[in-house]
Protein backbone atom coordinates (compact mmCIF):
# COMPACT_ATOMS: atom_id res chain seq x y z
CA MET A 1 -6.38 -0.17 24.62
CA TRP A 2 -5.29 -2.86 22.22
CA GLN A 3 -5.68 -2.77 18.47
CA GLN A 4 -4.26 -4.96 15.73
CA THR A 5 -4.43 -4.36 12.01
CA THR A 6 -2.65 -5.50 8.88
CA ILE A 7 -1.23 -2.78 6.67
CA THR A 8 -0.31 -3.65 3.09
CA LEU A 9 2.61 -1.63 1.77
CA ARG A 10 2.64 -1.08 -1.96
CA ALA A 11 5.18 -2.99 -4.07
CA ARG A 12 8.55 -1.33 -4.38
CA ALA A 13 11.79 -1.82 -6.27
CA ARG A 14 14.75 -3.39 -4.54
CA GLY A 15 16.31 -0.97 -2.06
CA PHE A 16 15.52 0.88 1.15
CA HIS A 17 12.32 2.92 1.25
CA LEU A 18 10.95 5.38 3.78
CA VAL A 19 7.49 4.00 4.71
CA THR A 20 6.65 5.96 7.86
CA ASP A 21 3.79 7.93 6.29
CA GLU A 22 2.32 4.87 4.58
CA LEU A 23 2.30 2.98 7.89
CA LEU A 24 0.80 5.92 9.81
CA ALA A 25 -1.97 6.24 7.21
CA GLY A 26 -3.01 2.70 8.14
CA LEU A 27 -3.09 3.47 11.87
CA PRO A 28 -5.83 6.04 12.58
CA ALA A 29 -6.20 4.71 16.17
CA LEU A 30 -2.68 5.94 16.94
CA ALA A 31 -4.05 9.47 17.36
CA SER A 32 -6.16 8.36 20.35
CA CYS A 33 -3.26 6.71 22.20
CA ARG A 34 -1.84 8.94 24.94
CA VAL A 35 1.06 6.64 25.83
CA GLY A 36 1.89 3.20 24.51
CA LEU A 37 3.85 0.96 22.19
CA LEU A 38 3.47 0.09 18.54
CA HIS A 39 4.82 -3.28 17.45
CA LEU A 40 5.34 -3.73 13.71
CA TRP A 41 5.85 -7.25 12.36
CA LEU A 42 6.75 -7.67 8.69
CA GLN A 43 5.21 -10.95 7.50
CA HIS A 44 7.93 -11.78 4.97
CA THR A 45 11.35 -13.46 4.94
CA SER A 46 13.01 -11.46 2.17
CA ALA A 47 12.39 -7.89 3.36
CA SER A 48 13.16 -6.01 6.57
CA LEU A 49 12.21 -3.09 8.80
CA THR A 50 14.61 -0.66 10.45
CA VAL A 51 14.69 2.92 11.75
CA ASN A 52 17.19 5.43 10.43
CA GLU A 53 17.73 8.80 8.70
CA ASN A 54 14.53 10.26 7.22
CA ALA A 55 15.82 13.42 5.53
CA ASP A 56 18.51 12.48 3.02
CA ALA A 57 17.65 9.81 0.45
CA ALA A 58 21.39 9.24 -0.08
CA VAL A 59 21.43 7.35 3.23
CA ARG A 60 18.95 4.82 1.86
CA ARG A 61 20.97 4.42 -1.35
CA ASP A 62 24.13 3.94 0.72
CA PHE A 63 22.34 1.30 2.82
CA GLU A 64 21.55 -0.60 -0.38
CA ARG A 65 25.17 -0.39 -1.58
CA PHE A 66 26.52 -1.49 1.82
CA PHE A 67 24.22 -4.49 2.17
CA ASN A 68 24.89 -5.57 -1.42
CA ARG A 69 28.63 -5.61 -0.63
CA LEU A 70 28.03 -7.38 2.69
CA VAL A 71 25.76 -10.02 1.10
CA PRO A 72 26.66 -10.21 -2.58
CA GLN A 73 24.36 -11.85 -5.08
CA GLY A 74 25.75 -14.69 -7.18
CA GLU A 75 27.94 -16.33 -4.53
CA GLY A 76 28.26 -20.05 -5.17
CA GLY A 77 27.86 -22.90 -2.74
CA TYR A 78 24.34 -22.31 -1.47
CA GLU A 79 21.52 -24.81 -1.88
CA HIS A 80 18.55 -22.41 -1.78
CA ASP A 81 18.66 -20.95 -5.29
CA TYR A 82 15.48 -22.15 -7.01
CA GLU A 83 13.60 -18.85 -6.45
CA GLY A 84 16.23 -16.79 -8.25
CA PRO A 85 19.70 -15.41 -7.55
CA ASP A 86 18.38 -12.61 -5.32
CA ASP A 87 16.37 -14.87 -3.00
CA LEU A 88 18.96 -16.26 -0.57
CA PRO A 89 20.81 -12.93 -0.29
CA ALA A 90 17.41 -11.38 0.50
CA HIS A 91 16.89 -13.88 3.34
CA PHE A 92 20.36 -13.10 4.75
CA LYS A 93 19.72 -9.33 4.64
CA ALA A 94 16.29 -9.74 6.24
CA SER A 95 17.80 -11.76 9.08
CA LEU A 96 20.57 -9.22 9.64
CA LEU A 97 18.16 -6.28 9.86
CA GLY A 98 15.10 -8.02 11.30
CA CYS A 99 11.40 -8.10 10.56
CA GLN A 100 10.05 -6.23 13.58
CA LEU A 101 10.16 -2.89 15.37
CA LEU A 102 8.88 -1.79 18.76
CA LEU A 103 8.23 1.95 18.81
CA PRO A 104 7.10 4.26 21.64
CA VAL A 105 3.88 6.26 21.28
CA THR A 106 3.48 9.63 23.02
CA ALA A 107 0.49 11.96 22.76
CA GLY A 108 -0.96 10.18 19.73
CA ARG A 109 2.26 10.13 17.71
CA LEU A 110 5.26 7.89 17.25
CA ALA A 111 8.03 9.19 19.50
CA LEU A 112 10.63 9.12 16.74
CA GLY A 113 13.57 11.49 16.82
CA THR A 114 13.67 14.50 14.51
CA TRP A 115 15.66 12.69 11.82
CA GLN A 116 14.23 9.19 12.24
CA GLY A 117 11.95 7.32 9.89
CA ILE A 118 10.88 3.73 9.28
CA TYR A 119 12.54 1.96 6.36
CA LEU A 120 11.30 -1.02 4.45
CA GLY A 121 14.30 -2.92 3.14
CA GLU A 122 13.08 -4.56 -0.05
CA HIS A 123 15.69 -7.20 -0.79
CA ARG A 124 14.12 -8.86 -3.85
CA GLU A 125 14.03 -7.58 -7.40
CA GLN A 126 10.28 -8.30 -7.55
CA GLY A 127 9.19 -8.52 -3.92
CA GLY A 128 5.62 -7.37 -4.43
CA ALA A 129 3.32 -5.82 -1.85
CA ARG A 130 4.43 -6.38 1.75
CA ARG A 131 2.18 -6.97 4.78
CA VAL A 132 2.90 -5.47 8.19
CA LEU A 133 0.97 -6.64 11.25
CA ALA A 134 0.68 -3.58 13.52
CA THR A 135 -0.23 -4.07 17.19
CA LEU A 136 -0.94 -0.93 19.21
CA GLN A 137 -1.15 -1.12 22.98
CA GLY A 138 -1.45 1.72 25.45
CA GLN A 139 -3.66 4.16 27.26
CA GLY A 140 -6.20 6.12 25.29
CA ASN A 141 -6.97 9.82 25.61
């Protein structure tokens, strides 16, 4: 089986957000996949996807603090600044974390670990809704 769909994630404030449930809601065909892979491709250059801790929101806040120290806003010497002071740092963060995930599917579910969830890293102050192209491949039930 192959299926591809675009999922639009609602607009969020800058920071790291757990979006596992929102993505799964847009993937009803996942339940009929016995074994396979789900590829998620974020169609933006100033946001990112990653997998990490899904239980404690402090981890997501600490991610935001860490990446803001790693890639501070307001550094001089860059040419790309006409979309606002958060734009180029957002591109750097998105490149560091990446815009895609490849996740295993087992028995109609993502085979995530107990404490794993999918994060959207929103690196702009006003990023808006974000599109994720989801491609599911595998064997059906």
